Amino acid sequence: MIQELSTRLSKQLEQDLEQVVLQIKDPFKKLTSALKLIRDALKKLRGYLTEYPFKTKADEIPIFKYTKPAFYQWQIYYTELYTIEAGLPFGDMEKQVVYLEQELHYIERFFRQYAFLYQYYKLGADELDNLYFVRGAEVQSVLLPNVPDLDPEFCTSCGYLFSKFKAFEGLQEWVTERLLFLKKNPLTPYQIGNDPGEMNWTGDTINLAEVGIGFFNTGQVRNGTASLSEIFRWLEEKFQVSIGVPSKRLAELRRRKRLSRTKYLDEMKESIIHKLDKEDEHDPDRGNNR
């Protein structure tokens, strides 16, 4: 029961955090909003442990080895991410590269510092689980860091470290992506709040409405079971724009008199054909193979 409840709670938390990242660009506001969601979820998880007590010590292990770290990792991740973003040099690509490379070295050094336990984590080993993931088990080891989670009923010797492994792997990916972006775009410094490769719609929203209506009428999304409203909301989320009410957009297309009702789709089709024809002019063999 507790595993089923915690799985649903974890999925909901991740969905809520995704919305925070999409909707809030200011680093501090993003951090405070994320931490509230995470702490509320952890409080609910702790409540589950009280409501459904463990029958044996062995029952504790998967909860403190996998379940709680899946929640707690986000508290570490967003706190560390805020620190990185707050210290990022503004507007200077070369300084940003140096700064992010230093952050990457710090993360890699952390993994080396706890190399034995990181390998234990990566390999999914279980020989020492009774010491590491059972509450009250005493482990005297220099391999373990100081644990900030002081609630004896809700923490174990290695649970925090596993949470940090998961969080730092996410940070490593975040830093690496931004370094690659800066090196591929040397004239474009990274701006906080704008993820590299982030797509947003910059054209007229009626054009995107045409695309959504095309998806709907040709049944290309979810085997044709997605409603037009669902498609619009999906496009809005992906491109960070408001398209509007589907019925009003359809009426807008119907009212067109001088313009084609599918003006944007027509332009798109013509531009693609023009591009292909131009390429064929430079490569006659390609045109003959059509």
C-alpha atoms as a PDB file:
ATOM      1  CA  MET A   1       0.000   0.000   0.000  1.00  0.00           C
ATOM      2  CA  ILE A   2       2.674   2.510   1.003  1.00  0.00           C
ATOM      3  CA  GLN A   3       4.639   1.860  -2.201  1.00  0.00           C
ATOM      4  CA  GLU A   4       1.574   2.448  -4.346  1.00  0.00           C
ATOM      5  CA  LEU A   5       0.716   5.675  -2.505  1.00  0.00           C
ATOM      6  CA  SER A   6       4.288   6.968  -2.641  1.00  0.00           C
ATOM      7  CA  THR A   7       4.597   6.204  -6.373  1.00  0.00           C
ATOM      8  CA  ARG A   8       1.505   8.286  -7.119  1.00  0.00           C
ATOM      9  CA  LEU A   9       2.762  11.047  -4.842  1.00  0.00           C
ATOM     10  CA  SER A  10       6.186  11.042  -6.545  1.00  0.00           C
ATOM     11  CA  LYS A  11       4.664  11.286 -10.031  1.00  0.00           C
ATOM     12  CA  GLN A  12       2.452  14.168  -8.925  1.00  0.00           C
ATOM     13  CA  LEU A  13       5.431  15.970  -7.393  1.00  0.00           C
ATOM     14  CA  GLU A  14       7.445  15.655 -10.600  1.00  0.00           C
ATOM     15  CA  GLN A  15       4.537  16.971 -12.669  1.00  0.00           C
ATOM     16  CA  ASP A  16       4.107  19.929 -10.306  1.00  0.00           C
ATOM     17  CA  LEU A  17       7.838  20.689 -10.423  1.00  0.00           C
ATOM     18  CA  GLU A  18       7.775  20.617 -14.224  1.00  0.00           C
ATOM     19  CA  GLN A  19       5.057  23.267 -14.152  1.00  0.00           C
ATOM     20  CA  VAL A  20       7.143  25.406 -11.791  1.00  0.00           C
ATOM     21  CA  VAL A  21      10.114  25.218 -14.163  1.00  0.00           C
ATOM     22  CA  LEU A  22       7.944  26.115 -17.171  1.00  0.00           C
ATOM     23  CA  GLN A  23       6.049  28.957 -15.542  1.00  0.00           C
ATOM     24  CA  ILE A  24       8.619  30.588 -13.239  1.00  0.00           C
ATOM     25  CA  LYS A  25      11.885  31.925 -14.634  1.00  0.00           C
ATOM     26  CA  ASP A  26      13.151  33.934 -11.651  1.00  0.00           C
ATOM     27  CA  PRO A  27      15.626  31.616  -9.836  1.00  0.00           C
ATOM     28  CA  PHE A  28      14.626  32.603  -6.286  1.00  0.00           C
ATOM     29  CA  LYS A  29      10.890  32.346  -6.924  1.00  0.00           C
ATOM     30  CA  LYS A  30      11.459  29.032  -8.669  1.00  0.00           C
ATOM     31  CA  LEU A  31      13.434  27.754  -5.668  1.00  0.00           C
ATOM     32  CA  THR A  32      10.874  28.798  -3.051  1.00  0.00           C
ATOM     33  CA  SER A  33       7.964  27.385  -5.072  1.00  0.00           C
ATOM     34  CA  ALA A  34       9.798  24.101  -5.654  1.00  0.00           C
ATOM     35  CA  LEU A  35      10.828  23.723  -2.001  1.00  0.00           C
ATOM     36  CA  LYS A  36       7.254  24.189  -0.818  1.00  0.00           C
ATOM     37  CA  LEU A  37       6.040  21.433  -3.137  1.00  0.00           C
ATOM     38  CA  ILE A  38       8.858  19.118  -2.069  1.00  0.00           C
ATOM     39  CA  ARG A  39       8.380  19.675   1.671  1.00  0.00           C
ATOM     40  CA  ASP A  40       4.642  19.135   1.382  1.00  0.00           C
ATOM     41  CA  ALA A  41       5.248  15.869  -0.483  1.00  0.00           C
ATOM     42  CA  LEU A  42       7.822  14.706   2.086  1.00  0.00           C
ATOM     43  CA  LYS A  43       5.365  15.501   4.875  1.00  0.00           C
ATOM     44  CA  LYS A  44       2.737  13.351   3.170  1.00  0.00           C
ATOM     45  CA  LEU A  45       5.269  10.554   2.680  1.00  0.00           C
ATOM     46  CA  ARG A  46       6.170  10.648   6.364  1.00  0.00           C
ATOM     47  CA  GLY A  47       2.458  10.473   7.164  1.00  0.00           C
ATOM     48  CA  TYR A  48       2.196   7.290   5.117  1.00  0.00           C
ATOM     49  CA  LEU A  49       4.936   5.718   7.253  1.00  0.00           C
ATOM     50  CA  THR A  50       2.963   6.512  10.378  1.00  0.00           C
ATOM     51  CA  GLU A  51      -0.301   5.251   8.907  1.00  0.00           C
ATOM     52  CA  TYR A  52       1.207   2.054   7.511  1.00  0.00           C
ATOM     53  CA  PRO A  53       3.993   0.967   9.904  1.00  0.00           C
ATOM     54  CA  PHE A  54       6.582  -1.539   8.709  1.00  0.00           C
ATOM     55  CA  LYS A  55       6.043  -5.159   9.681  1.00  0.00           C
ATOM     56  CA  THR A  56       9.747  -6.037   9.528  1.00  0.00           C
ATOM     57  CA  LYS A  57      13.073  -4.213   9.366  1.00  0.00           C
ATOM     58  CA  ALA A  58      13.517  -5.532   5.825  1.00  0.00           C
ATOM     59  CA  ASP A  59      10.398  -3.635   4.747  1.00  0.00           C
ATOM     60  CA  GLU A  60      12.148  -0.360   5.534  1.00  0.00           C
ATOM     61  CA  ILE A  61      14.990  -0.862   3.079  1.00  0.00           C
ATOM     62  CA  PRO A  62      13.260  -0.091  -0.271  1.00  0.00           C
ATOM     63  CA  ILE A  63      11.519   2.938   1.242  1.00  0.00           C
ATOM     64  CA  PHE A  64      14.713   4.568   2.527  1.00  0.00           C
ATOM     65  CA  LYS A  65      16.927   3.320  -0.302  1.00  0.00           C
ATOM     66  CA  TYR A  66      14.728   4.239  -3.248  1.00  0.00           C
ATOM     67  CA  THR A  67      11.443   5.908  -2.300  1.00  0.00           C
ATOM     68  CA  LYS A  68      12.496   8.744  -0.007  1.00  0.00           C
ATOM     69  CA  PRO A  69      15.583   9.647  -2.113  1.00  0.00           C
ATOM     70  CA  ALA A  70      13.258   9.994  -5.117  1.00  0.00           C
ATOM     71  CA  PHE A  71      11.584  12.855  -3.209  1.00  0.00           C
ATOM     72  CA  TYR A  72      14.488  14.318  -1.250  1.00  0.00           C
ATOM     73  CA  GLN A  73      16.757  14.522  -4.310  1.00  0.00           C
ATOM     74  CA  TRP A  74      14.664  17.444  -5.567  1.00  0.00           C
ATOM     75  CA  GLN A  75      15.258  19.493  -2.430  1.00  0.00           C
ATOM     76  CA  ILE A  76      19.003  19.116  -2.903  1.00  0.00           C
ATOM     77  CA  TYR A  77      18.802  19.603  -6.673  1.00  0.00           C
ATOM     78  CA  TYR A  78      16.845  22.858  -6.663  1.00  0.00           C
ATOM     79  CA  THR A  79      18.849  24.306  -3.762  1.00  0.00           C
ATOM     80  CA  GLU A  80      22.145  23.573  -5.545  1.00  0.00           C
ATOM     81  CA  LEU A  81      20.742  24.764  -8.886  1.00  0.00           C
ATOM     82  CA  TYR A  82      19.812  28.107  -7.349  1.00  0.00           C
ATOM     83  CA  THR A  83      23.358  28.460  -5.989  1.00  0.00           C
ATOM     84  CA  ILE A  84      24.843  27.734  -9.419  1.00  0.00           C
ATOM     85  CA  GLU A  85      22.541  30.143 -11.241  1.00  0.00           C
ATOM     86  CA  ALA A  86      23.055  32.888  -8.650  1.00  0.00           C
ATOM     87  CA  GLY A  87      26.829  32.731  -9.130  1.00  0.00           C
ATOM     88  CA  LEU A  88      26.824  32.547 -12.925  1.00  0.00           C
ATOM     89  CA  PRO A  89      28.730  35.489 -14.481  1.00  0.00           C
ATOM     90  CA  PHE A  90      26.310  37.692 -16.388  1.00  0.00           C
ATOM     91  CA  GLY A  91      26.717  38.235 -20.127  1.00  0.00           C
ATOM     92  CA  ASP A  92      30.288  36.916 -20.510  1.00  0.00           C
ATOM     93  CA  MET A  93      30.435  33.617 -22.378  1.00  0.00           C
ATOM     94  CA  GLU A  94      34.085  32.845 -21.596  1.00  0.00           C
ATOM     95  CA  LYS A  95      33.637  33.452 -17.871  1.00  0.00           C
ATOM     96  CA  GLN A  96      30.479  31.367 -17.926  1.00  0.00           C
ATOM     97  CA  VAL A  97      32.378  28.451 -19.475  1.00  0.00           C
ATOM     98  CA  VAL A  98      35.102  28.654 -16.823  1.00  0.00           C
ATOM     99  CA  TYR A  99      32.508  28.913 -14.047  1.00  0.00           C
ATOM    100  CA  LEU A 100      30.450  25.945 -15.269  1.00  0.00           C
ATOM    101  CA  GLU A 101      33.560  23.824 -15.789  1.00  0.00           C
ATOM    102  CA  GLN A 102      34.489  24.491 -12.157  1.00  0.00           C
ATOM    103  CA  GLU A 103      30.999  23.427 -11.081  1.00  0.00           C
ATOM    104  CA  LEU A 104      31.361  20.265 -13.132  1.00  0.00           C
ATOM    105  CA  HIS A 105      34.701  19.512 -11.445  1.00  0.00           C
ATOM    106  CA  TYR A 106      33.055  20.027  -8.049  1.00  0.00           C
ATOM    107  CA  ILE A 107      30.325  17.502  -8.889  1.00  0.00           C
ATOM    108  CA  GLU A 108      32.858  14.983 -10.204  1.00  0.00           C
ATOM    109  CA  ARG A 109      35.001  15.450  -7.077  1.00  0.00           C
ATOM    110  CA  PHE A 110      31.942  14.718  -4.931  1.00  0.00           C
ATOM    111  CA  PHE A 111      31.440  11.406  -6.735  1.00  0.00           C
ATOM    112  CA  ARG A 112      35.126  10.564  -6.244  1.00  0.00           C
ATOM    113  CA  GLN A 113      34.979  11.519  -2.559  1.00  0.00           C
ATOM    114  CA  TYR A 114      32.320   8.878  -1.972  1.00  0.00           C
ATOM    115  CA  ALA A 115      33.558   6.485  -4.657  1.00  0.00           C
ATOM    116  CA  PHE A 116      32.807   3.280  -2.722  1.00  0.00           C
ATOM    117  CA  LEU A 117      29.223   4.240  -1.887  1.00  0.00           C
ATOM    118  CA  TYR A 118      28.659   5.745  -5.322  1.00  0.00           C
ATOM    119  CA  GLN A 119      29.589   2.420  -6.877  1.00  0.00           C
ATOM    120  CA  TYR A 120      27.306   0.702  -4.367  1.00  0.00           C
ATOM    121  CA  TYR A 121      24.548   3.038  -5.560  1.00  0.00           C
ATOM    122  CA  LYS A 122      25.301   2.626  -9.283  1.00  0.00           C
ATOM    123  CA  LEU A 123      25.580  -1.155  -9.154  1.00  0.00           C
ATOM    124  CA  GLY A 124      22.414  -1.585  -7.084  1.00  0.00           C
ATOM    125  CA  ALA A 125      24.364  -3.565  -4.467  1.00  0.00           C
ATOM    126  CA  ASP A 126      22.488  -4.758  -1.370  1.00  0.00           C
ATOM    127  CA  GLU A 127      25.022  -6.481   0.893  1.00  0.00           C
ATOM    128  CA  LEU A 128      25.086  -3.616   3.406  1.00  0.00           C
ATOM    129  CA  ASP A 129      21.479  -2.488   3.139  1.00  0.00           C
ATOM    130  CA  ASN A 130      20.696  -3.598   6.702  1.00  0.00           C
ATOM    131  CA  LEU A 131      23.224  -1.040   7.934  1.00  0.00           C
ATOM    132  CA  TYR A 132      22.609   1.727   5.452  1.00  0.00           C
ATOM    133  CA  PHE A 133      18.819   1.768   5.071  1.00  0.00           C
ATOM    134  CA  VAL A 134      17.319   0.634   8.388  1.00  0.00           C
ATOM    135  CA  ARG A 135      16.436   3.273  10.966  1.00  0.00           C
ATOM    136  CA  GLY A 136      18.506   3.196  14.117  1.00  0.00           C
ATOM    137  CA  ALA A 137      21.337   1.136  12.638  1.00  0.00           C
ATOM    138  CA  GLU A 138      24.624   2.606  13.828  1.00  0.00           C
ATOM    139  CA  VAL A 139      27.360   2.946  11.240  1.00  0.00           C
ATOM    140  CA  GLN A 140      30.685   4.431  12.248  1.00  0.00           C
ATOM    141  CA  SER A 141      32.379   5.238   8.970  1.00  0.00           C
ATOM    142  CA  VAL A 142      34.399   8.086   7.507  1.00  0.00           C
ATOM    143  CA  LEU A 143      32.782   7.162   4.189  1.00  0.00           C
ATOM    144  CA  LEU A 144      29.504   8.741   5.284  1.00  0.00           C
ATOM    145  CA  PRO A 145      28.871  12.512   5.286  1.00  0.00           C
ATOM    146  CA  ASN A 146      27.196  14.463   8.057  1.00  0.00           C
ATOM    147  CA  VAL A 147      23.462  13.969   7.653  1.00  0.00           C
ATOM    148  CA  PRO A 148      21.318  17.120   7.943  1.00  0.00           C
ATOM    149  CA  ASP A 149      18.069  15.137   8.244  1.00  0.00           C
ATOM    150  CA  LEU A 150      17.846  14.749  12.029  1.00  0.00           C
ATOM    151  CA  ASP A 151      14.442  13.034  12.247  1.00  0.00           C
ATOM    152  CA  PRO A 152      15.352   9.517  13.518  1.00  0.00           C
ATOM    153  CA  GLU A 153      11.975   8.159  12.407  1.00  0.00           C
ATOM    154  CA  PHE A 154      12.446   9.378   8.867  1.00  0.00           C
ATOM    155  CA  CYS A 155      16.116   8.947   8.014  1.00  0.00           C
ATOM    156  CA  THR A 156      18.810   6.293   7.782  1.00  0.00           C
ATOM    157  CA  SER A 157      22.590   6.318   7.565  1.00  0.00           C
ATOM    158  CA  CYS A 158      22.841   6.378   3.781  1.00  0.00           C
ATOM    159  CA  GLY A 159      19.474   7.715   2.618  1.00  0.00           C
ATOM    160  CA  TYR A 160      20.690  11.315   2.403  1.00  0.00           C
ATOM    161  CA  LEU A 161      23.781  10.328   0.433  1.00  0.00           C
ATOM    162  CA  PHE A 162      21.710   8.368  -2.090  1.00  0.00           C
ATOM    163  CA  SER A 163      19.439  11.405  -2.454  1.00  0.00           C
ATOM    164  CA  LYS A 164      22.489  13.552  -3.126  1.00  0.00           C
ATOM    165  CA  PHE A 165      23.827  11.093  -5.697  1.00  0.00           C
ATOM    166  CA  LYS A 166      20.555  11.355  -7.614  1.00  0.00           C
ATOM    167  CA  ALA A 167      20.477  15.153  -7.307  1.00  0.00           C
ATOM    168  CA  PHE A 168      24.099  15.610  -8.388  1.00  0.00           C
ATOM    169  CA  GLU A 169      23.604  13.375 -11.416  1.00  0.00           C
ATOM    170  CA  GLY A 170      20.800  15.713 -12.470  1.00  0.00           C
ATOM    171  CA  LEU A 171      23.014  18.751 -11.852  1.00  0.00           C
ATOM    172  CA  GLN A 172      25.831  17.157 -13.832  1.00  0.00           C
ATOM    173  CA  GLU A 173      23.484  16.795 -16.800  1.00  0.00           C
ATOM    174  CA  TRP A 174      22.237  20.392 -16.395  1.00  0.00           C
ATOM    175  CA  VAL A 175      25.754  21.856 -16.309  1.00  0.00           C
ATOM    176  CA  THR A 176      26.963  19.686 -19.202  1.00  0.00           C
ATOM    177  CA  GLU A 177      24.039  20.772 -21.421  1.00  0.00           C
ATOM    178  CA  ARG A 178      24.781  24.429 -20.803  1.00  0.00           C
ATOM    179  CA  LEU A 179      28.474  24.008 -21.454  1.00  0.00           C
ATOM    180  CA  LEU A 180      27.697  22.349 -24.789  1.00  0.00           C
ATOM    181  CA  PHE A 181      25.308  25.175 -25.648  1.00  0.00           C
ATOM    182  CA  LEU A 182      27.922  27.845 -24.870  1.00  0.00           C
ATOM    183  CA  LYS A 183      30.622  26.094 -26.885  1.00  0.00           C
ATOM    184  CA  LYS A 184      28.316  25.670 -29.874  1.00  0.00           C
ATOM    185  CA  ASN A 185      27.057  29.255 -29.597  1.00  0.00           C
ATOM    186  CA  PRO A 186      30.143  31.287 -28.604  1.00  0.00           C
ATOM    187  CA  LEU A 187      28.414  34.616 -29.261  1.00  0.00           C
ATOM    188  CA  THR A 188      25.386  33.805 -27.092  1.00  0.00           C
ATOM    189  CA  PRO A 189      25.967  33.866 -23.316  1.00  0.00           C
ATOM    190  CA  TYR A 190      23.537  31.803 -21.254  1.00  0.00           C
ATOM    191  CA  GLN A 191      20.711  33.892 -19.772  1.00  0.00           C
ATOM    192  CA  ILE A 192      19.219  32.697 -16.494  1.00  0.00           C
ATOM    193  CA  GLY A 193      15.670  31.515 -17.048  1.00  0.00           C
ATOM    194  CA  ASN A 194      16.247  30.595 -20.697  1.00  0.00           C
ATOM    195  CA  ASP A 195      17.196  26.974 -21.123  1.00  0.00           C
ATOM    196  CA  PRO A 196      19.421  26.147 -24.100  1.00  0.00           C
ATOM    197  CA  GLY A 197      17.369  24.778 -26.920  1.00  0.00           C
ATOM    198  CA  GLU A 198      14.151  26.000 -25.291  1.00  0.00           C
ATOM    199  CA  MET A 199      11.462  26.501 -27.916  1.00  0.00           C
ATOM    200  CA  ASN A 200       8.821  29.199 -27.811  1.00  0.00           C
ATOM    201  CA  TRP A 201       6.329  30.291 -30.453  1.00  0.00           C
ATOM    202  CA  THR A 202       7.156  33.713 -31.866  1.00  0.00           C
ATOM    203  CA  GLY A 203       4.707  33.803 -34.764  1.00  0.00           C
ATOM    204  CA  ASP A 204       0.994  34.635 -34.832  1.00  0.00           C
ATOM    205  CA  THR A 205      -0.968  32.291 -32.572  1.00  0.00           C
ATOM    206  CA  ILE A 206      -3.588  31.753 -35.289  1.00  0.00           C
ATOM    207  CA  ASN A 207      -0.866  29.998 -37.280  1.00  0.00           C
ATOM    208  CA  LEU A 208      -0.225  27.590 -34.437  1.00  0.00           C
ATOM    209  CA  ALA A 209      -3.988  27.097 -34.177  1.00  0.00           C
ATOM    210  CA  GLU A 210      -3.991  25.977 -37.827  1.00  0.00           C
ATOM    211  CA  VAL A 211      -1.321  23.399 -37.011  1.00  0.00           C
ATOM    212  CA  GLY A 212      -3.285  22.117 -34.008  1.00  0.00           C
ATOM    213  CA  ILE A 213      -6.490  21.854 -36.017  1.00  0.00           C
ATOM    214  CA  GLY A 214      -4.535  19.956 -38.683  1.00  0.00           C
ATOM    215  CA  PHE A 215      -3.259  17.515 -36.058  1.00  0.00           C
ATOM    216  CA  PHE A 216      -6.809  17.007 -34.802  1.00  0.00           C
ATOM    217  CA  ASN A 217      -8.525  16.525 -38.154  1.00  0.00           C
ATOM    218  CA  THR A 218      -5.913  14.098 -39.476  1.00  0.00           C
ATOM    219  CA  GLY A 219      -5.909  12.041 -36.267  1.00  0.00           C
ATOM    220  CA  GLN A 220      -2.140  12.236 -35.836  1.00  0.00           C
ATOM    221  CA  VAL A 221      -2.076  12.571 -32.041  1.00  0.00           C
ATOM    222  CA  ARG A 222      -2.711   9.634 -29.705  1.00  0.00           C
ATOM    223  CA  ASN A 223      -4.206   7.568 -32.526  1.00  0.00           C
ATOM    224  CA  GLY A 224      -6.827  10.229 -33.144  1.00  0.00           C
ATOM    225  CA  THR A 225      -8.283  10.119 -29.608  1.00  0.00           C
ATOM    226  CA  ALA A 226      -6.919  13.506 -28.451  1.00  0.00           C
ATOM    227  CA  SER A 227      -9.480  16.315 -28.439  1.00  0.00           C
ATOM    228  CA  LEU A 228      -8.772  19.641 -30.104  1.00  0.00           C
ATOM    229  CA  SER A 229      -8.720  21.286 -26.682  1.00  0.00           C
ATOM    230  CA  GLU A 230      -6.102  18.800 -25.444  1.00  0.00           C
ATOM    231  CA  ILE A 231      -3.964  19.412 -28.531  1.00  0.00           C
ATOM    232  CA  PHE A 232      -4.183  23.181 -28.035  1.00  0.00           C
ATOM    233  CA  ARG A 233      -3.162  22.876 -24.359  1.00  0.00           C
ATOM    234  CA  TRP A 234      -0.257  20.601 -25.319  1.00  0.00           C
ATOM    235  CA  LEU A 235       0.980  23.062 -27.943  1.00  0.00           C
ATOM    236  CA  GLU A 236       0.619  25.919 -25.451  1.00  0.00           C
ATOM    237  CA  GLU A 237       2.723  24.086 -22.883  1.00  0.00           C
ATOM    238  CA  LYS A 238       5.413  23.103 -25.376  1.00  0.00           C
ATOM    239  CA  PHE A 239       5.710  26.514 -27.032  1.00  0.00           C
ATOM    240  CA  GLN A 240       4.896  28.655 -23.970  1.00  0.00           C
ATOM    241  CA  VAL A 241       2.126  30.627 -25.628  1.00  0.00           C
ATOM    242  CA  SER A 242      -1.632  31.040 -25.275  1.00  0.00           C
ATOM    243  CA  ILE A 243      -3.520  29.926 -28.386  1.00  0.00           C
ATOM    244  CA  GLY A 244      -7.001  30.568 -27.078  1.00  0.00           C
ATOM    245  CA  VAL A 245     -10.357  28.791 -27.137  1.00  0.00           C
ATOM    246  CA  PRO A 246     -10.566  26.186 -29.955  1.00  0.00           C
ATOM    247  CA  SER A 247     -14.119  27.143 -30.992  1.00  0.00           C
ATOM    248  CA  LYS A 248     -13.167  30.818 -31.338  1.00  0.00           C
ATOM    249  CA  ARG A 249     -10.088  29.950 -33.394  1.00  0.00           C
ATOM    250  CA  LEU A 250     -12.169  27.751 -35.707  1.00  0.00           C
ATOM    251  CA  ALA A 251     -14.684  30.576 -36.126  1.00  0.00           C
ATOM    252  CA  GLU A 252     -11.812  32.934 -36.951  1.00  0.00           C
ATOM    253  CA  LEU A 253     -10.677  30.640 -39.764  1.00  0.00           C
ATOM    254  CA  ARG A 254     -14.233  30.276 -41.088  1.00  0.00           C
ATOM    255  CA  ARG A 255     -14.639  34.078 -41.260  1.00  0.00           C
ATOM    256  CA  ARG A 256     -11.675  34.484 -43.594  1.00  0.00           C
ATOM    257  CA  LYS A 257     -12.826  35.904 -46.930  1.00  0.00           C
ATOM    258  CA  ARG A 258      -9.800  37.302 -48.747  1.00  0.00           C
ATOM    259  CA  LEU A 259      -7.275  34.929 -47.180  1.00  0.00           C
ATOM    260  CA  SER A 260      -7.117  31.190 -47.549  1.00  0.00           C
ATOM    261  CA  ARG A 261      -8.659  29.481 -44.534  1.00  0.00           C
ATOM    262  CA  THR A 262      -5.377  27.580 -44.158  1.00  0.00           C
ATOM    263  CA  LYS A 263      -3.053  30.453 -45.047  1.00  0.00           C
ATOM    264  CA  TYR A 264      -0.193  29.372 -42.769  1.00  0.00           C
ATOM    265  CA  LEU A 265      -0.337  25.708 -43.757  1.00  0.00           C
ATOM    266  CA  ASP A 266      -0.393  26.754 -47.431  1.00  0.00           C
ATOM    267  CA  GLU A 267       2.684  28.950 -46.880  1.00  0.00           C
ATOM    268  CA  MET A 268       4.421  26.121 -45.056  1.00  0.00           C
ATOM    269  CA  LYS A 269       3.703  23.697 -47.909  1.00  0.00           C
ATOM    270  CA  GLU A 270       4.929  26.180 -50.531  1.00  0.00           C
ATOM    271  CA  SER A 271       8.125  26.957 -48.618  1.00  0.00           C
ATOM    272  CA  ILE A 272       8.991  23.253 -48.291  1.00  0.00           C
ATOM    273  CA  ILE A 273       8.355  22.585 -51.984  1.00  0.00           C
ATOM    274  CA  HIS A 274      10.407  25.661 -52.906  1.00  0.00           C
ATOM    275  CA  LYS A 275      13.321  24.505 -50.748  1.00  0.00           C
ATOM    276  CA  LEU A 276      13.285  21.010 -52.242  1.00  0.00           C
ATOM    277  CA  ASP A 277      13.044  22.372 -55.791  1.00  0.00           C
ATOM    278  CA  LYS A 278      16.005  24.695 -55.147  1.00  0.00           C
ATOM    279  CA  GLU A 279      18.058  21.763 -53.836  1.00  0.00           C
ATOM    280  CA  ASP A 280      17.149  19.756 -56.924  1.00  0.00           C
ATOM    281  CA  GLU A 281      18.499  22.548 -59.114  1.00  0.00           C
ATOM    282  CA  HIS A 282      21.912  22.152 -57.474  1.00  0.00           C
ATOM    283  CA  ASP A 283      21.724  18.362 -57.473  1.00  0.00           C
ATOM    284  CA  PRO A 284      20.069  17.107 -60.706  1.00  0.00           C
ATOM    285  CA  ASP A 285      20.486  13.458 -59.738  1.00  0.00           C
ATOM    286  CA  ARG A 286      18.382  13.995 -56.629  1.00  0.00           C
ATOM    287  CA  GLY A 287      15.516  15.349 -58.734  1.00  0.00           C
ATOM    288  CA  ASN A 288      15.639  12.353 -61.052  1.00  0.00           C
ATOM    289  CA  ASN A 289      15.257   9.981 -58.118  1.00  0.00           C
ATOM    290  CA  ARG A 290      12.006  11.473 -56.903  1.00  0.00           C
END
